[in-house]
Amino acid sequence: MLNGANGKQELERVNMFIRALCDEMAQTQAHQVKSTFQNAAAIEMKEALYELRLRKLLISALVDCDLTADNTTNH
């Protein structure tokens, strides 16, 4: 399981990947060339973005859960 520091680092990495993928998708859409390859790439990017956002949600829940558990057990 992720501890607080590792969880925050992993969350930062996922956020970085999400930003990079969103930027790449915007650039791809800006070129307005609709080839079969680009359509397939766009689908793959959307799926990857969905998976990254799901990973971000899960990591956030784990990190928050760990922080809550630490706060309740430390007296």
N, C-alpha and C. Protein backbone atom coordinates (compact mmCIF):
# COMPACT_ATOMS: atom_id res chain seq x y z
N MET A 1 0.84 -1.18 0.00
CA MET A 1 0.00 0.00 0.00
C MET A 1 0.89 1.24 0.00
N LEU A 2 0.38 2.29 -0.56
CA LEU A 2 1.14 3.54 -0.64
C LEU A 2 1.12 4.26 0.69
N ASN A 3 2.28 4.74 1.11
CA ASN A 3 2.27 5.62 2.28
C ASN A 3 2.07 7.05 1.79
N GLY A 4 1.97 7.98 2.71
CA GLY A 4 1.65 9.36 2.34
C GLY A 4 2.60 9.97 1.34
N ALA A 5 3.92 9.84 1.58
CA ALA A 5 4.91 10.46 0.69
C ALA A 5 4.92 9.79 -0.68
N ASN A 6 4.92 8.46 -0.69
CA ASN A 6 4.92 7.75 -1.97
C ASN A 6 3.62 7.98 -2.72
N GLY A 7 2.52 8.04 -2.00
CA GLY A 7 1.22 8.28 -2.63
C GLY A 7 1.16 9.65 -3.27
N LYS A 8 1.71 10.64 -2.60
CA LYS A 8 1.71 12.00 -3.17
C LYS A 8 2.60 12.07 -4.40
N GLN A 9 3.74 11.37 -4.37
CA GLN A 9 4.63 11.34 -5.54
C GLN A 9 3.94 10.65 -6.71
N GLU A 10 3.28 9.54 -6.44
CA GLU A 10 2.56 8.81 -7.49
C GLU A 10 1.44 9.67 -8.05
N LEU A 11 0.76 10.38 -7.18
CA LEU A 11 -0.32 11.27 -7.62
C LEU A 11 0.23 12.39 -8.51
N GLU A 12 1.38 12.93 -8.16
CA GLU A 12 2.02 13.96 -8.99
C GLU A 12 2.39 13.41 -10.36
N ARG A 13 2.90 12.18 -10.39
CA ARG A 13 3.25 11.56 -11.68
C ARG A 13 2.01 11.36 -12.54
N VAL A 14 0.94 10.87 -11.95
CA VAL A 14 -0.30 10.65 -12.70
C VAL A 14 -0.82 11.98 -13.23
N ASN A 15 -0.79 13.03 -12.39
CA ASN A 15 -1.22 14.35 -12.85
C ASN A 15 -0.37 14.84 -14.01
N MET A 16 0.93 14.58 -13.95
CA MET A 16 1.82 14.98 -15.04
C MET A 16 1.44 14.26 -16.34
N PHE A 17 1.18 12.95 -16.24
CA PHE A 17 0.77 12.19 -17.42
C PHE A 17 -0.56 12.68 -17.97
N ILE A 18 -1.49 13.01 -17.09
CA ILE A 18 -2.79 13.51 -17.53
C ILE A 18 -2.63 14.83 -18.28
N ARG A 19 -1.82 15.75 -17.72
CA ARG A 19 -1.59 17.03 -18.40
C ARG A 19 -0.93 16.83 -19.76
N ALA A 20 0.07 15.96 -19.81
CA ALA A 20 0.78 15.71 -21.07
C ALA A 20 -0.16 15.10 -22.11
N LEU A 21 -0.97 14.17 -21.69
CA LEU A 21 -1.89 13.52 -22.62
C LEU A 21 -2.96 14.50 -23.10
N CYS A 22 -3.45 15.34 -22.21
CA CYS A 22 -4.43 16.35 -22.62
C CYS A 22 -3.82 17.34 -23.62
N ASP A 23 -2.58 17.74 -23.37
CA ASP A 23 -1.88 18.63 -24.31
C ASP A 23 -1.72 17.96 -25.67
N GLU A 24 -1.33 16.70 -25.67
CA GLU A 24 -1.14 15.96 -26.92
C GLU A 24 -2.46 15.82 -27.67
N MET A 25 -3.54 15.56 -26.94
CA MET A 25 -4.85 15.45 -27.58
C MET A 25 -5.27 16.78 -28.19
N ALA A 26 -5.00 17.88 -27.51
CA ALA A 26 -5.35 19.20 -28.03
C ALA A 26 -4.56 19.51 -29.29
N GLN A 27 -3.28 19.17 -29.30
CA GLN A 27 -2.45 19.39 -30.49
C GLN A 27 -2.93 18.54 -31.66
N THR A 28 -3.28 17.32 -31.38
CA THR A 28 -3.77 16.42 -32.43
C THR A 28 -5.07 16.95 -33.03
N GLN A 29 -5.96 17.43 -32.18
CA GLN A 29 -7.23 17.96 -32.66
C GLN A 29 -7.03 19.27 -33.42
N ALA A 30 -6.02 20.03 -33.07
CA ALA A 30 -5.78 21.31 -33.72
C ALA A 30 -5.34 21.15 -35.17
N HIS A 31 -4.72 20.03 -35.49
CA HIS A 31 -4.24 19.82 -36.85
C HIS A 31 -5.35 19.47 -37.83
N GLN A 32 -6.50 19.08 -37.34
CA GLN A 32 -7.69 18.86 -38.16
C GLN A 32 -7.52 17.85 -39.28
N VAL A 33 -6.48 17.05 -39.27
CA VAL A 33 -6.31 16.01 -40.29
C VAL A 33 -6.94 14.75 -39.75
N LYS A 34 -7.88 14.22 -40.48
CA LYS A 34 -8.63 13.06 -40.00
C LYS A 34 -8.22 11.81 -40.78
N SER A 35 -7.17 11.21 -40.38
CA SER A 35 -6.76 9.96 -41.00
C SER A 35 -7.19 8.81 -40.10
N THR A 36 -7.15 7.62 -40.63
CA THR A 36 -7.51 6.44 -39.86
C THR A 36 -6.57 6.27 -38.67
N PHE A 37 -5.27 6.53 -38.91
CA PHE A 37 -4.29 6.41 -37.83
C PHE A 37 -4.59 7.40 -36.72
N GLN A 38 -4.89 8.64 -37.07
CA GLN A 38 -5.17 9.65 -36.06
C GLN A 38 -6.45 9.35 -35.30
N ASN A 39 -7.45 8.81 -35.98
CA ASN A 39 -8.68 8.43 -35.29
C ASN A 39 -8.40 7.31 -34.29
N ALA A 40 -7.60 6.34 -34.68
CA ALA A 40 -7.25 5.24 -33.78
C ALA A 40 -6.42 5.77 -32.61
N ALA A 41 -5.50 6.67 -32.90
CA ALA A 41 -4.67 7.26 -31.84
C ALA A 41 -5.53 8.07 -30.88
N ALA A 42 -6.50 8.80 -31.38
CA ALA A 42 -7.38 9.60 -30.53
C ALA A 42 -8.19 8.70 -29.60
N ILE A 43 -8.65 7.59 -30.10
CA ILE A 43 -9.39 6.64 -29.27
C ILE A 43 -8.49 6.09 -28.17
N GLU A 44 -7.27 5.72 -28.54
CA GLU A 44 -6.31 5.20 -27.55
C GLU A 44 -6.00 6.25 -26.49
N MET A 45 -5.84 7.50 -26.91
CA MET A 45 -5.54 8.57 -25.96
C MET A 45 -6.71 8.78 -24.99
N LYS A 46 -7.94 8.74 -25.50
CA LYS A 46 -9.11 8.90 -24.64
C LYS A 46 -9.20 7.77 -23.62
N GLU A 47 -8.91 6.55 -24.07
CA GLU A 47 -8.93 5.41 -23.16
C GLU A 47 -7.83 5.54 -22.10
N ALA A 48 -6.65 5.97 -22.52
CA ALA A 48 -5.54 6.15 -21.58
C ALA A 48 -5.87 7.24 -20.57
N LEU A 49 -6.49 8.31 -21.04
CA LEU A 49 -6.86 9.41 -20.15
C LEU A 49 -7.88 8.93 -19.12
N TYR A 50 -8.84 8.13 -19.55
CA TYR A 50 -9.83 7.57 -18.63
C TYR A 50 -9.14 6.71 -17.57
N GLU A 51 -8.21 5.86 -18.00
CA GLU A 51 -7.50 4.99 -17.06
C GLU A 51 -6.64 5.79 -16.09
N LEU A 52 -5.99 6.84 -16.57
CA LEU A 52 -5.19 7.69 -15.69
C LEU A 52 -6.06 8.40 -14.66
N ARG A 53 -7.21 8.88 -15.09
CA ARG A 53 -8.10 9.56 -14.15
C ARG A 53 -8.65 8.58 -13.11
N LEU A 54 -8.90 7.36 -13.53
CA LEU A 54 -9.34 6.35 -12.58
C LEU A 54 -8.23 6.04 -11.59
N ARG A 55 -7.00 5.92 -12.08
CA ARG A 55 -5.85 5.68 -11.21
C ARG A 55 -5.68 6.83 -10.21
N LYS A 56 -5.85 8.06 -10.71
CA LYS A 56 -5.74 9.24 -9.84
C LYS A 56 -6.78 9.17 -8.73
N LEU A 57 -7.99 8.80 -9.06
CA LEU A 57 -9.06 8.69 -8.09
C LEU A 57 -8.71 7.64 -7.02
N LEU A 58 -8.23 6.49 -7.46
CA LEU A 58 -7.88 5.42 -6.52
C LEU A 58 -6.71 5.81 -5.62
N ILE A 59 -5.69 6.41 -6.19
CA ILE A 59 -4.54 6.84 -5.40
C ILE A 59 -4.97 7.91 -4.39
N SER A 60 -5.78 8.85 -4.83
CA SER A 60 -6.26 9.89 -3.93
C SER A 60 -7.01 9.28 -2.76
N ALA A 61 -7.84 8.30 -3.04
CA ALA A 61 -8.60 7.65 -1.97
C ALA A 61 -7.66 6.93 -1.00
N LEU A 62 -6.65 6.25 -1.54
CA LEU A 62 -5.70 5.54 -0.68
C LEU A 62 -4.89 6.50 0.18
N VAL A 63 -4.42 7.57 -0.42
CA VAL A 63 -3.61 8.55 0.31
C VAL A 63 -4.45 9.20 1.40
N ASP A 64 -5.68 9.60 1.06
CA ASP A 64 -6.57 10.22 2.04
C ASP A 64 -6.91 9.24 3.16
N CYS A 65 -7.12 7.98 2.80
CA CYS A 65 -7.43 6.95 3.80
C CYS A 65 -6.25 6.77 4.74
N ASP A 66 -5.03 6.70 4.19
CA ASP A 66 -3.83 6.55 5.02
C ASP A 66 -3.63 7.75 5.94
N LEU A 67 -3.86 8.95 5.43
CA LEU A 67 -3.70 10.15 6.25
C LEU A 67 -4.74 10.17 7.37
N THR A 68 -5.95 9.76 7.08
CA THR A 68 -7.01 9.71 8.09
C THR A 68 -6.67 8.68 9.15
N ALA A 69 -6.17 7.51 8.72
CA ALA A 69 -5.81 6.46 9.67
C ALA A 69 -4.65 6.92 10.55
N ASP A 70 -3.67 7.61 9.96
CA ASP A 70 -2.55 8.11 10.74
C ASP A 70 -3.00 9.14 11.78
N ASN A 71 -3.92 10.00 11.39
CA ASN A 71 -4.41 11.03 12.30
C ASN A 71 -5.21 10.45 13.46
N THR A 72 -5.91 9.36 13.23
CA THR A 72 -6.74 8.78 14.29
C THR A 72 -5.93 7.88 15.21
N THR A 73 -4.82 7.32 14.73
CA THR A 73 -4.03 6.43 15.58
C THR A 73 -2.94 7.18 16.34
N ASN A 74 -2.56 8.34 15.89
CA ASN A 74 -1.53 9.13 16.59
C ASN A 74 -2.22 10.00 17.64
N HIS A 75 -1.91 9.72 18.89
CA HIS A 75 -2.51 10.51 19.98
C HIS A 75 -1.46 11.33 20.65
